[in-house]
Amino acid sequence: MNTVTMYSTPWCGYCHRLKGQLKRAGIEFTEVDIEQQPEAAQLVEKINNGNQTVPTVVFPDGTAMTNPSLAQVAEKLVA
């Protein structure tokens, strides 16, 4: 299984929830704080029509989901 990238902010409750769910499910991910990395914030804006909506998850195939559930992430990874 390849690693997904989760774009987040430290204050985002949805990010904290998804991060914990991914860890408990054993799904590897890399977390990127968009407040610390301007280029990451720009990528998130591009994916989300100009909005810095987090969590935004980018998959190894380059596709992305905004605020996905654990089930959506897991389903995408096995597809």
PDB file of N, CA and C in Angstrom:
ATOM      1  N   MET A   1       0.849  -1.177   0.000  1.00  0.00           N
ATOM      2  CA  MET A   1       0.000   0.000   0.000  1.00  0.00           C
ATOM      3  C   MET A   1       0.894   1.239   0.000  1.00  0.00           C
ATOM      4  N   ASN A   2       0.584   2.178  -0.841  1.00  0.00           N
ATOM      5  CA  ASN A   2       1.353   3.405  -0.918  1.00  0.00           C
ATOM      6  C   ASN A   2       0.840   4.416   0.099  1.00  0.00           C
ATOM      7  N   THR A   3       1.698   5.350   0.424  1.00  0.00           N
ATOM      8  CA  THR A   3       1.366   6.368   1.404  1.00  0.00           C
ATOM      9  C   THR A   3       0.529   7.480   0.785  1.00  0.00           C
ATOM     10  N   VAL A   4      -0.490   7.912   1.515  1.00  0.00           N
ATOM     11  CA  VAL A   4      -1.275   9.070   1.090  1.00  0.00           C
ATOM     12  C   VAL A   4      -0.702  10.301   1.783  1.00  0.00           C
ATOM     13  N   THR A   5      -1.008  11.468   1.241  1.00  0.00           N
ATOM     14  CA  THR A   5      -0.588  12.721   1.857  1.00  0.00           C
ATOM     15  C   THR A   5      -1.829  13.448   2.341  1.00  0.00           C
ATOM     16  N   MET A   6      -1.821  13.809   3.619  1.00  0.00           N
ATOM     17  CA  MET A   6      -2.946  14.534   4.192  1.00  0.00           C
ATOM     18  C   MET A   6      -2.499  15.959   4.488  1.00  0.00           C
ATOM     19  N   TYR A   7      -3.154  16.912   3.824  1.00  0.00           N
ATOM     20  CA  TYR A   7      -2.886  18.325   4.059  1.00  0.00           C
ATOM     21  C   TYR A   7      -3.822  18.784   5.164  1.00  0.00           C
ATOM     22  N   SER A   8      -3.248  19.461   6.162  1.00  0.00           N
ATOM     23  CA  SER A   8      -4.031  19.804   7.341  1.00  0.00           C
ATOM     24  C   SER A   8      -3.537  21.110   7.963  1.00  0.00           C
ATOM     25  N   THR A   9      -4.185  21.485   9.062  1.00  0.00           N
ATOM     26  CA  THR A   9      -3.738  22.571   9.932  1.00  0.00           C
ATOM     27  C   THR A   9      -3.802  22.052  11.363  1.00  0.00           C
ATOM     28  N   PRO A  10      -3.017  22.647  12.270  1.00  0.00           N
ATOM     29  CA  PRO A  10      -3.016  22.159  13.658  1.00  0.00           C
ATOM     30  C   PRO A  10      -4.355  22.346  14.380  1.00  0.00           C
ATOM     31  N   TRP A  11      -5.151  23.313  13.980  1.00  0.00           N
ATOM     32  CA  TRP A  11      -6.395  23.633  14.682  1.00  0.00           C
ATOM     33  C   TRP A  11      -7.625  22.939  14.100  1.00  0.00           C
ATOM     34  N   CYS A  12      -7.462  22.150  13.049  1.00  0.00           N
ATOM     35  CA  CYS A  12      -8.586  21.528  12.354  1.00  0.00           C
ATOM     36  C   CYS A  12      -9.042  20.250  13.059  1.00  0.00           C
ATOM     37  N   GLY A  13     -10.244  20.284  13.610  1.00  0.00           N
ATOM     38  CA  GLY A  13     -10.792  19.110  14.287  1.00  0.00           C
ATOM     39  C   GLY A  13     -11.015  17.931  13.357  1.00  0.00           C
ATOM     40  N   TYR A  14     -11.462  18.201  12.135  1.00  0.00           N
ATOM     41  CA  TYR A  14     -11.663  17.133  11.158  1.00  0.00           C
ATOM     42  C   TYR A  14     -10.340  16.454  10.817  1.00  0.00           C
ATOM     43  N   CYS A  15      -9.278  17.245  10.776  1.00  0.00           N
ATOM     44  CA  CYS A  15      -7.944  16.696  10.499  1.00  0.00           C
ATOM     45  C   CYS A  15      -7.505  15.770  11.624  1.00  0.00           C
ATOM     46  N   HIS A  16      -7.693  16.210  12.878  1.00  0.00           N
ATOM     47  CA  HIS A  16      -7.318  15.388  14.028  1.00  0.00           C
ATOM     48  C   HIS A  16      -8.088  14.073  14.028  1.00  0.00           C
ATOM     49  N   ARG A  17      -9.384  14.146  13.720  1.00  0.00           N
ATOM     50  CA  ARG A  17     -10.205  12.938  13.691  1.00  0.00           C
ATOM     51  C   ARG A  17      -9.710  11.976  12.622  1.00  0.00           C
ATOM     52  N   LEU A  18      -9.505  12.471  11.399  1.00  0.00           N
ATOM     53  CA  LEU A  18      -9.073  11.597  10.308  1.00  0.00           C
ATOM     54  C   LEU A  18      -7.687  11.027  10.584  1.00  0.00           C
ATOM     55  N   LYS A  19      -6.799  11.838  11.131  1.00  0.00           N
ATOM     56  CA  LYS A  19      -5.455  11.367  11.444  1.00  0.00           C
ATOM     57  C   LYS A  19      -5.515  10.185  12.421  1.00  0.00           C
ATOM     58  N   GLY A  20      -6.313  10.312  13.468  1.00  0.00           N
ATOM     59  CA  GLY A  20      -6.457   9.219  14.429  1.00  0.00           C
ATOM     60  C   GLY A  20      -7.059   7.974  13.803  1.00  0.00           C
ATOM     61  N   GLN A  21      -8.054   8.154  12.943  1.00  0.00           N
ATOM     62  CA  GLN A  21      -8.684   7.019  12.279  1.00  0.00           C
ATOM     63  C   GLN A  21      -7.699   6.305  11.358  1.00  0.00           C
ATOM     64  N   LEU A  22      -6.913   7.070  10.613  1.00  0.00           N
ATOM     65  CA  LEU A  22      -5.924   6.470   9.718  1.00  0.00           C
ATOM     66  C   LEU A  22      -4.890   5.667  10.510  1.00  0.00           C
ATOM     67  N   LYS A  23      -4.431   6.236  11.620  1.00  0.00           N
ATOM     68  CA  LYS A  23      -3.452   5.538  12.461  1.00  0.00           C
ATOM     69  C   LYS A  23      -4.026   4.234  12.995  1.00  0.00           C
ATOM     70  N   ARG A  24      -5.253   4.294  13.514  1.00  0.00           N
ATOM     71  CA  ARG A  24      -5.875   3.082  14.068  1.00  0.00           C
ATOM     72  C   ARG A  24      -6.110   2.022  13.004  1.00  0.00           C
ATOM     73  N   ALA A  25      -6.355   2.451  11.766  1.00  0.00           N
ATOM     74  CA  ALA A  25      -6.600   1.515  10.663  1.00  0.00           C
ATOM     75  C   ALA A  25      -5.301   1.003  10.048  1.00  0.00           C
ATOM     76  N   GLY A  26      -4.175   1.557  10.475  1.00  0.00           N
ATOM     77  CA  GLY A  26      -2.887   1.120   9.936  1.00  0.00           C
ATOM     78  C   GLY A  26      -2.607   1.652   8.536  1.00  0.00           C
ATOM     79  N   ILE A  27      -3.268   2.742   8.164  1.00  0.00           N
ATOM     80  CA  ILE A  27      -3.044   3.346   6.850  1.00  0.00           C
ATOM     81  C   ILE A  27      -1.935   4.389   6.986  1.00  0.00           C
ATOM     82  N   GLU A  28      -0.858   4.176   6.247  1.00  0.00           N
ATOM     83  CA  GLU A  28       0.270   5.088   6.313  1.00  0.00           C
ATOM     84  C   GLU A  28      -0.060   6.387   5.598  1.00  0.00           C
ATOM     85  N   PHE A  29       0.386   7.489   6.199  1.00  0.00           N
ATOM     86  CA  PHE A  29       0.159   8.791   5.583  1.00  0.00           C
ATOM     87  C   PHE A  29       1.268   9.749   5.979  1.00  0.00           C
ATOM     88  N   THR A  30       1.430  10.753   5.146  1.00  0.00           N
ATOM     89  CA  THR A  30       2.332  11.852   5.441  1.00  0.00           C
ATOM     90  C   THR A  30       1.458  13.072   5.676  1.00  0.00           C
ATOM     91  N   GLU A  31       1.705  13.768   6.773  1.00  0.00           N
ATOM     92  CA  GLU A  31       0.908  14.954   7.083  1.00  0.00           C
ATOM     93  C   GLU A  31       1.688  16.214   6.724  1.00  0.00           C
ATOM     94  N   VAL A  32       1.016  17.145   6.058  1.00  0.00           N
ATOM     95  CA  VAL A  32       1.635  18.409   5.667  1.00  0.00           C
ATOM     96  C   VAL A  32       0.778  19.549   6.221  1.00  0.00           C
ATOM     97  N   ASP A  33       1.392  20.399   7.024  1.00  0.00           N
ATOM     98  CA  ASP A  33       0.712  21.559   7.616  1.00  0.00           C
ATOM     99  C   ASP A  33       0.746  22.696   6.595  1.00  0.00           C
ATOM    100  N   ILE A  34      -0.411  23.056   6.062  1.00  0.00           N
ATOM    101  CA  ILE A  34      -0.447  24.078   5.015  1.00  0.00           C
ATOM    102  C   ILE A  34      -0.141  25.478   5.554  1.00  0.00           C
ATOM    103  N   GLU A  35      -0.198  25.651   6.867  1.00  0.00           N
ATOM    104  CA  GLU A  35       0.158  26.951   7.442  1.00  0.00           C
ATOM    105  C   GLU A  35       1.668  27.132   7.500  1.00  0.00           C
ATOM    106  N   GLN A  36       2.402  26.049   7.467  1.00  0.00           N
ATOM    107  CA  GLN A  36       3.866  26.102   7.523  1.00  0.00           C
ATOM    108  C   GLN A  36       4.509  26.010   6.140  1.00  0.00           C
ATOM    109  N   GLN A  37       3.736  25.554   5.154  1.00  0.00           N
ATOM    110  CA  GLN A  37       4.279  25.359   3.809  1.00  0.00           C
ATOM    111  C   GLN A  37       3.383  26.038   2.780  1.00  0.00           C
ATOM    112  N   PRO A  38       3.748  27.257   2.373  1.00  0.00           N
ATOM    113  CA  PRO A  38       2.913  28.011   1.431  1.00  0.00           C
ATOM    114  C   PRO A  38       2.626  27.275   0.123  1.00  0.00           C
ATOM    115  N   GLU A  39       3.580  26.492  -0.361  1.00  0.00           N
ATOM    116  CA  GLU A  39       3.345  25.754  -1.606  1.00  0.00           C
ATOM    117  C   GLU A  39       2.279  24.677  -1.416  1.00  0.00           C
ATOM    118  N   ALA A  40       2.209  24.113  -0.222  1.00  0.00           N
ATOM    119  CA  ALA A  40       1.168  23.132   0.078  1.00  0.00           C
ATOM    120  C   ALA A  40      -0.197  23.816   0.134  1.00  0.00           C
ATOM    121  N   ALA A  41      -0.248  25.014   0.708  1.00  0.00           N
ATOM    122  CA  ALA A  41      -1.503  25.772   0.760  1.00  0.00           C
ATOM    123  C   ALA A  41      -1.990  26.082  -0.650  1.00  0.00           C
ATOM    124  N   GLN A  42      -1.068  26.410  -1.533  1.00  0.00           N
ATOM    125  CA  GLN A  42      -1.431  26.687  -2.929  1.00  0.00           C
ATOM    126  C   GLN A  42      -1.981  25.443  -3.612  1.00  0.00           C
ATOM    127  N   LEU A  43      -1.385  24.292  -3.340  1.00  0.00           N
ATOM    128  CA  LEU A  43      -1.878  23.041  -3.914  1.00  0.00           C
ATOM    129  C   LEU A  43      -3.294  22.751  -3.429  1.00  0.00           C
ATOM    130  N   VAL A  44      -3.534  22.925  -2.133  1.00  0.00           N
ATOM    131  CA  VAL A  44      -4.863  22.691  -1.566  1.00  0.00           C
ATOM    132  C   VAL A  44      -5.877  23.648  -2.197  1.00  0.00           C
ATOM    133  N   GLU A  45      -5.488  24.891  -2.376  1.00  0.00           N
ATOM    134  CA  GLU A  45      -6.380  25.862  -3.028  1.00  0.00           C
ATOM    135  C   GLU A  45      -6.715  25.432  -4.450  1.00  0.00           C
ATOM    136  N   LYS A  46      -5.724  24.941  -5.159  1.00  0.00           N
ATOM    137  CA  LYS A  46      -5.940  24.495  -6.543  1.00  0.00           C
ATOM    138  C   LYS A  46      -6.923  23.319  -6.588  1.00  0.00           C
ATOM    139  N   ILE A  47      -6.769  22.393  -5.675  1.00  0.00           N
ATOM    140  CA  ILE A  47      -7.645  21.213  -5.620  1.00  0.00           C
ATOM    141  C   ILE A  47      -9.074  21.607  -5.249  1.00  0.00           C
ATOM    142  N   ASN A  48      -9.202  22.627  -4.371  1.00  0.00           N
ATOM    143  CA  ASN A  48     -10.501  22.985  -3.790  1.00  0.00           C
ATOM    144  C   ASN A  48     -11.047  24.314  -4.299  1.00  0.00           C
ATOM    145  N   ASN A  49     -10.853  24.576  -5.571  1.00  0.00           N
ATOM    146  CA  ASN A  49     -11.435  25.768  -6.217  1.00  0.00           C
ATOM    147  C   ASN A  49     -11.140  27.065  -5.477  1.00  0.00           C
ATOM    148  N   GLY A  50      -9.886  27.236  -5.047  1.00  0.00           N
ATOM    149  CA  GLY A  50      -9.474  28.474  -4.400  1.00  0.00           C
ATOM    150  C   GLY A  50      -9.607  28.491  -2.894  1.00  0.00           C
ATOM    151  N   ASN A  51     -10.109  27.421  -2.310  1.00  0.00           N
ATOM    152  CA  ASN A  51     -10.304  27.354  -0.854  1.00  0.00           C
ATOM    153  C   ASN A  51      -9.233  26.497  -0.192  1.00  0.00           C
ATOM    154  N   GLN A  52      -8.820  26.901   0.991  1.00  0.00           N
ATOM    155  CA  GLN A  52      -7.866  26.105   1.759  1.00  0.00           C
ATOM    156  C   GLN A  52      -8.630  25.149   2.677  1.00  0.00           C
ATOM    157  N   THR A  53      -9.339  24.224   2.079  1.00  0.00           N
ATOM    158  CA  THR A  53     -10.167  23.284   2.826  1.00  0.00           C
ATOM    159  C   THR A  53      -9.331  22.072   3.237  1.00  0.00           C
ATOM    160  N   VAL A  54      -9.334  21.793   4.534  1.00  0.00           N
ATOM    161  CA  VAL A  54      -8.610  20.640   5.058  1.00  0.00           C
ATOM    162  C   VAL A  54      -9.538  19.817   5.940  1.00  0.00           C
ATOM    163  N   PRO A  55      -9.299  18.512   6.049  1.00  0.00           N
ATOM    164  CA  PRO A  55      -8.206  17.798   5.429  1.00  0.00           C
ATOM    165  C   PRO A  55      -8.451  17.563   3.938  1.00  0.00           C
ATOM    166  N   THR A  56      -7.389  17.707   3.192  1.00  0.00           N
ATOM    167  CA  THR A  56      -7.385  17.310   1.786  1.00  0.00           C
ATOM    168  C   THR A  56      -6.397  16.164   1.688  1.00  0.00           C
ATOM    169  N   VAL A  57      -6.845  15.050   1.154  1.00  0.00           N
ATOM    170  CA  VAL A  57      -6.010  13.858   1.037  1.00  0.00           C
ATOM    171  C   VAL A  57      -5.679  13.636  -0.432  1.00  0.00           C
ATOM    172  N   VAL A  58      -4.379  13.501  -0.711  1.00  0.00           N
ATOM    173  CA  VAL A  58      -3.921  13.228  -2.074  1.00  0.00           C
ATOM    174  C   VAL A  58      -3.376  11.803  -2.101  1.00  0.00           C
ATOM    175  N   PHE A  59      -3.837  11.041  -3.071  1.00  0.00           N
ATOM    176  CA  PHE A  59      -3.487   9.637  -3.207  1.00  0.00           C
ATOM    177  C   PHE A  59      -2.288   9.458  -4.130  1.00  0.00           C
ATOM    178  N   PRO A  60      -1.638   8.301  -4.063  1.00  0.00           N
ATOM    179  CA  PRO A  60      -0.460   8.063  -4.906  1.00  0.00           C
ATOM    180  C   PRO A  60      -0.723   8.241  -6.402  1.00  0.00           C
ATOM    181  N   ASP A  61      -1.960   8.042  -6.844  1.00  0.00           N
ATOM    182  CA  ASP A  61      -2.260   8.194  -8.275  1.00  0.00           C
ATOM    183  C   ASP A  61      -2.525   9.648  -8.663  1.00  0.00           C
ATOM    184  N   GLY A  62      -2.416  10.575  -7.677  1.00  0.00           N
ATOM    185  CA  GLY A  62      -2.590  11.995  -7.963  1.00  0.00           C
ATOM    186  C   GLY A  62      -3.997  12.517  -7.750  1.00  0.00           C
ATOM    187  N   THR A  63      -4.963  11.634  -7.502  1.00  0.00           N
ATOM    188  CA  THR A  63      -6.320  12.077  -7.239  1.00  0.00           C
ATOM    189  C   THR A  63      -6.416  12.579  -5.794  1.00  0.00           C
ATOM    190  N   ALA A  64      -7.468  13.342  -5.506  1.00  0.00           N
ATOM    191  CA  ALA A  64      -7.607  13.927  -4.175  1.00  0.00           C
ATOM    192  C   ALA A  64      -9.047  13.843  -3.692  1.00  0.00           C
ATOM    193  N   MET A  65      -9.203  13.868  -2.368  1.00  0.00           N
ATOM    194  CA  MET A  65     -10.507  13.945  -1.720  1.00  0.00           C
ATOM    195  C   MET A  65     -10.428  14.998  -0.629  1.00  0.00           C
ATOM    196  N   THR A  66     -11.510  15.742  -0.479  1.00  0.00           N
ATOM    197  CA  THR A  66     -11.584  16.762   0.553  1.00  0.00           C
ATOM    198  C   THR A  66     -12.474  16.273   1.683  1.00  0.00           C
ATOM    199  N   ASN A  67     -11.930  16.305   2.898  1.00  0.00           N
ATOM    200  CA  ASN A  67     -12.628  15.859   4.103  1.00  0.00           C
ATOM    201  C   ASN A  67     -13.267  14.479   3.923  1.00  0.00           C
ATOM    202  N   PRO A  68     -12.468  13.502   3.477  1.00  0.00           N
ATOM    203  CA  PRO A  68     -13.035  12.166   3.271  1.00  0.00           C
ATOM    204  C   PRO A  68     -13.218  11.425   4.585  1.00  0.00           C
ATOM    205  N   SER A  69     -14.071  10.429   4.550  1.00  0.00           N
ATOM    206  CA  SER A  69     -14.213   9.532   5.695  1.00  0.00           C
ATOM    207  C   SER A  69     -13.109   8.477   5.612  1.00  0.00           C
ATOM    208  N   LEU A  70     -12.895   7.778   6.711  1.00  0.00           N
ATOM    209  CA  LEU A  70     -11.932   6.681   6.705  1.00  0.00           C
ATOM    210  C   LEU A  70     -12.331   5.649   5.660  1.00  0.00           C
ATOM    211  N   ALA A  71     -13.622   5.357   5.569  1.00  0.00           N
ATOM    212  CA  ALA A  71     -14.102   4.367   4.601  1.00  0.00           C
ATOM    213  C   ALA A  71     -13.771   4.787   3.166  1.00  0.00           C
ATOM    214  N   GLN A  72     -13.933   6.079   2.865  1.00  0.00           N
ATOM    215  CA  GLN A  72     -13.622   6.558   1.519  1.00  0.00           C
ATOM    216  C   GLN A  72     -12.132   6.414   1.207  1.00  0.00           C
ATOM    217  N   VAL A  73     -11.285   6.728   2.174  1.00  0.00           N
ATOM    218  CA  VAL A  73      -9.839   6.598   1.965  1.00  0.00           C
ATOM    219  C   VAL A  73      -9.479   5.136   1.753  1.00  0.00           C
ATOM    220  N   ALA A  74      -9.974   4.258   2.622  1.00  0.00           N
ATOM    221  CA  ALA A  74      -9.660   2.834   2.523  1.00  0.00           C
ATOM    222  C   ALA A  74     -10.145   2.251   1.207  1.00  0.00           C
ATOM    223  N   GLU A  75     -11.358   2.625   0.784  1.00  0.00           N
ATOM    224  CA  GLU A  75     -11.912   2.116  -0.475  1.00  0.00           C
ATOM    225  C   GLU A  75     -11.061   2.558  -1.649  1.00  0.00           C
ATOM    226  N   LYS A  76     -10.638   3.791  -1.647  1.00  0.00           N
ATOM    227  CA  LYS A  76      -9.813   4.314  -2.742  1.00  0.00           C
ATOM    228  C   LYS A  76      -8.483   3.579  -2.818  1.00  0.00           C
ATOM    229  N   LEU A  77      -7.899   3.244  -1.664  1.00  0.00           N
ATOM    230  CA  LEU A  77      -6.606   2.581  -1.651  1.00  0.00           C
ATOM    231  C   LEU A  77      -6.652   1.143  -2.146  1.00  0.00           C
ATOM    232  N   VAL A  78      -7.789   0.481  -1.997  1.00  0.00           N
ATOM    233  CA  VAL A  78      -7.886  -0.913  -2.468  1.00  0.00           C
ATOM    234  C   VAL A  78      -8.417  -1.013  -3.891  1.00  0.00           C
ATOM    235  N   ALA A  79      -8.903   0.101  -4.435  1.00  0.00           N
ATOM    236  CA  ALA A  79      -9.462   0.101  -5.791  1.00  0.00           C
ATOM    237  C   ALA A  79      -8.388  -0.022  -6.831  1.00  0.00           C
TER     238      ALA A  79
END
